[in-house]
Amino acid sequence: MAVNISNRKPNVKNIRSHALNATKKKQKLNLVVVRDVNGKKYRLSAKELRSLKKDQKVSA
C-alpha cells in the first residue's frame, strides 16, 4: 500500500451552461506511485515528482 504524502487538493470549479446553470466539477490530481531505495511506496503528484527530479532530490 502506498503512503499518500501529497498535501495538494483537487481543483473545484463551476461548469456554466448557456442557461447559466452552475454544476460543480472536480479536477483531480495526477497521482503516481514512486518507490524509494528501500522499496517503500509513496504516492505523490506528477508535478511534485517533476520538481523533485529537477532539484535532483530523487533519481529517475
N, C-alpha and C. Protein backbone atom coordinates (compact mmCIF):
# COMPACT_ATOMS: atom_id res chain seq x y z
N MET A 1 0.84 -1.18 0.00
CA MET A 1 0.00 0.00 0.00
C MET A 1 0.88 1.24 0.00
N ALA A 2 0.61 2.15 -0.88
CA ALA A 2 1.40 3.37 -1.00
C ALA A 2 0.92 4.41 0.02
N VAL A 3 1.88 5.13 0.56
CA VAL A 3 1.60 6.18 1.53
C VAL A 3 1.39 7.48 0.77
N ASN A 4 0.29 8.17 1.05
CA ASN A 4 -0.02 9.42 0.38
C ASN A 4 0.70 10.55 1.11
N ILE A 5 1.70 11.16 0.45
CA ILE A 5 2.48 12.22 1.10
C ILE A 5 2.17 13.60 0.52
N SER A 6 1.30 13.67 -0.46
CA SER A 6 0.97 14.94 -1.08
C SER A 6 -0.10 15.66 -0.27
N ASN A 7 0.08 16.96 -0.09
CA ASN A 7 -0.89 17.78 0.64
C ASN A 7 -1.80 18.56 -0.30
N ARG A 8 -1.63 18.36 -1.60
CA ARG A 8 -2.40 19.12 -2.57
C ARG A 8 -3.83 18.60 -2.64
N LYS A 9 -4.74 19.50 -2.95
CA LYS A 9 -6.16 19.18 -3.06
C LYS A 9 -6.62 19.33 -4.50
N PRO A 10 -7.71 18.64 -4.90
CA PRO A 10 -8.20 18.82 -6.27
C PRO A 10 -8.81 20.20 -6.47
N ASN A 11 -8.75 20.69 -7.71
CA ASN A 11 -9.38 21.96 -8.05
C ASN A 11 -10.88 21.76 -8.16
N VAL A 12 -11.65 22.70 -7.63
CA VAL A 12 -13.11 22.67 -7.73
C VAL A 12 -13.54 23.92 -8.47
N LYS A 13 -14.33 23.69 -9.51
CA LYS A 13 -14.79 24.83 -10.30
C LYS A 13 -16.21 24.59 -10.75
N ASN A 14 -16.84 25.64 -11.25
CA ASN A 14 -18.19 25.54 -11.78
C ASN A 14 -18.16 25.41 -13.29
N ILE A 15 -19.01 24.55 -13.82
CA ILE A 15 -19.24 24.47 -15.25
C ILE A 15 -20.53 25.24 -15.52
N ARG A 16 -20.48 26.17 -16.46
CA ARG A 16 -21.64 27.01 -16.78
C ARG A 16 -22.23 26.61 -18.12
N SER A 17 -23.54 26.38 -18.14
CA SER A 17 -24.24 26.11 -19.39
C SER A 17 -24.71 27.44 -20.00
N HIS A 18 -25.31 27.35 -21.15
CA HIS A 18 -25.83 28.56 -21.78
C HIS A 18 -26.97 29.16 -20.96
N ALA A 19 -27.67 28.32 -20.18
CA ALA A 19 -28.73 28.81 -19.32
C ALA A 19 -28.20 29.28 -17.97
N LEU A 20 -26.86 29.35 -17.85
CA LEU A 20 -26.15 29.79 -16.64
C LEU A 20 -26.39 28.88 -15.44
N ASN A 21 -26.67 27.59 -15.69
CA ASN A 21 -26.72 26.62 -14.60
C ASN A 21 -25.29 26.33 -14.16
N ALA A 22 -25.09 26.29 -12.85
CA ALA A 22 -23.76 26.03 -12.30
C ALA A 22 -23.70 24.60 -11.77
N THR A 23 -22.75 23.82 -12.27
CA THR A 23 -22.54 22.45 -11.83
C THR A 23 -21.10 22.33 -11.35
N LYS A 24 -20.90 21.82 -10.14
CA LYS A 24 -19.55 21.68 -9.59
C LYS A 24 -18.80 20.57 -10.32
N LYS A 25 -17.52 20.82 -10.58
CA LYS A 25 -16.66 19.82 -11.22
C LYS A 25 -15.34 19.77 -10.46
N LYS A 26 -14.84 18.56 -10.20
CA LYS A 26 -13.54 18.38 -9.56
C LYS A 26 -12.52 17.99 -10.61
N GLN A 27 -11.38 18.66 -10.59
CA GLN A 27 -10.26 18.31 -11.45
C GLN A 27 -9.23 17.65 -10.54
N LYS A 28 -9.13 16.32 -10.64
CA LYS A 28 -8.30 15.57 -9.71
C LYS A 28 -6.82 15.65 -10.08
N LEU A 29 -5.97 15.30 -9.12
CA LEU A 29 -4.54 15.33 -9.31
C LEU A 29 -4.06 14.12 -10.10
N ASN A 30 -2.92 14.27 -10.74
CA ASN A 30 -2.27 13.18 -11.46
C ASN A 30 -1.31 12.50 -10.47
N LEU A 31 -1.82 11.52 -9.71
CA LEU A 31 -1.03 10.85 -8.68
C LEU A 31 -0.26 9.68 -9.27
N VAL A 32 1.00 9.58 -8.92
CA VAL A 32 1.86 8.48 -9.37
C VAL A 32 2.47 7.82 -8.14
N VAL A 33 2.78 6.52 -8.27
CA VAL A 33 3.39 5.76 -7.18
C VAL A 33 4.88 5.66 -7.47
N VAL A 34 5.69 6.03 -6.46
CA VAL A 34 7.15 6.03 -6.59
C VAL A 34 7.72 5.18 -5.47
N ARG A 35 8.73 4.37 -5.79
CA ARG A 35 9.42 3.57 -4.77
C ARG A 35 10.73 4.26 -4.39
N ASP A 36 11.07 4.18 -3.10
CA ASP A 36 12.37 4.70 -2.68
C ASP A 36 13.40 3.57 -2.71
N VAL A 37 14.58 3.82 -2.20
CA VAL A 37 15.68 2.86 -2.26
C VAL A 37 15.35 1.59 -1.47
N ASN A 38 14.63 1.74 -0.37
CA ASN A 38 14.30 0.60 0.48
C ASN A 38 13.11 -0.20 -0.04
N GLY A 39 12.45 0.27 -1.09
CA GLY A 39 11.32 -0.43 -1.66
C GLY A 39 9.97 0.05 -1.14
N LYS A 40 9.95 1.06 -0.30
CA LYS A 40 8.70 1.59 0.23
C LYS A 40 8.03 2.44 -0.84
N LYS A 41 6.71 2.33 -0.95
CA LYS A 41 5.96 3.05 -1.98
C LYS A 41 5.39 4.35 -1.42
N TYR A 42 5.45 5.39 -2.25
CA TYR A 42 4.87 6.69 -1.91
C TYR A 42 4.01 7.14 -3.07
N ARG A 43 2.91 7.83 -2.74
CA ARG A 43 2.03 8.38 -3.76
C ARG A 43 2.13 9.90 -3.70
N LEU A 44 2.57 10.51 -4.82
CA LEU A 44 2.65 11.95 -4.90
C LEU A 44 2.28 12.38 -6.30
N SER A 45 2.03 13.66 -6.45
CA SER A 45 1.56 14.15 -7.75
C SER A 45 2.72 14.21 -8.74
N ALA A 46 2.39 14.15 -10.01
CA ALA A 46 3.40 14.18 -11.07
C ALA A 46 4.13 15.53 -11.07
N LYS A 47 3.45 16.58 -10.71
CA LYS A 47 4.07 17.91 -10.64
C LYS A 47 5.14 17.94 -9.55
N GLU A 48 4.84 17.36 -8.38
CA GLU A 48 5.81 17.31 -7.30
C GLU A 48 6.99 16.41 -7.67
N LEU A 49 6.72 15.30 -8.33
CA LEU A 49 7.78 14.38 -8.75
C LEU A 49 8.72 15.07 -9.74
N ARG A 50 8.15 15.84 -10.68
CA ARG A 50 8.96 16.55 -11.66
C ARG A 50 9.86 17.58 -10.98
N SER A 51 9.33 18.29 -9.98
CA SER A 51 10.14 19.29 -9.29
C SER A 51 11.21 18.63 -8.43
N LEU A 52 10.93 17.46 -7.85
CA LEU A 52 11.94 16.74 -7.08
C LEU A 52 13.06 16.24 -7.99
N LYS A 53 12.71 15.76 -9.19
CA LYS A 53 13.72 15.32 -10.14
C LYS A 53 14.56 16.50 -10.62
N LYS A 54 13.91 17.66 -10.79
CA LYS A 54 14.63 18.86 -11.23
C LYS A 54 15.63 19.32 -10.18
N ASP A 55 15.27 19.22 -8.90
CA ASP A 55 16.16 19.60 -7.81
C ASP A 55 17.14 18.47 -7.47
N GLN A 56 17.06 17.34 -8.19
CA GLN A 56 17.90 16.16 -8.03
C GLN A 56 17.83 15.60 -6.62
N LYS A 57 16.63 15.66 -6.02
CA LYS A 57 16.42 15.05 -4.72
C LYS A 57 15.92 13.61 -4.86
N VAL A 58 15.54 13.25 -6.08
CA VAL A 58 15.06 11.89 -6.35
C VAL A 58 15.66 11.48 -7.69
N SER A 59 16.01 10.21 -7.80
CA SER A 59 16.56 9.74 -9.07
C SER A 59 15.46 9.19 -9.96
N ALA A 60 15.72 9.10 -11.22
CA ALA A 60 14.72 8.61 -12.17
C ALA A 60 14.49 7.16 -11.91
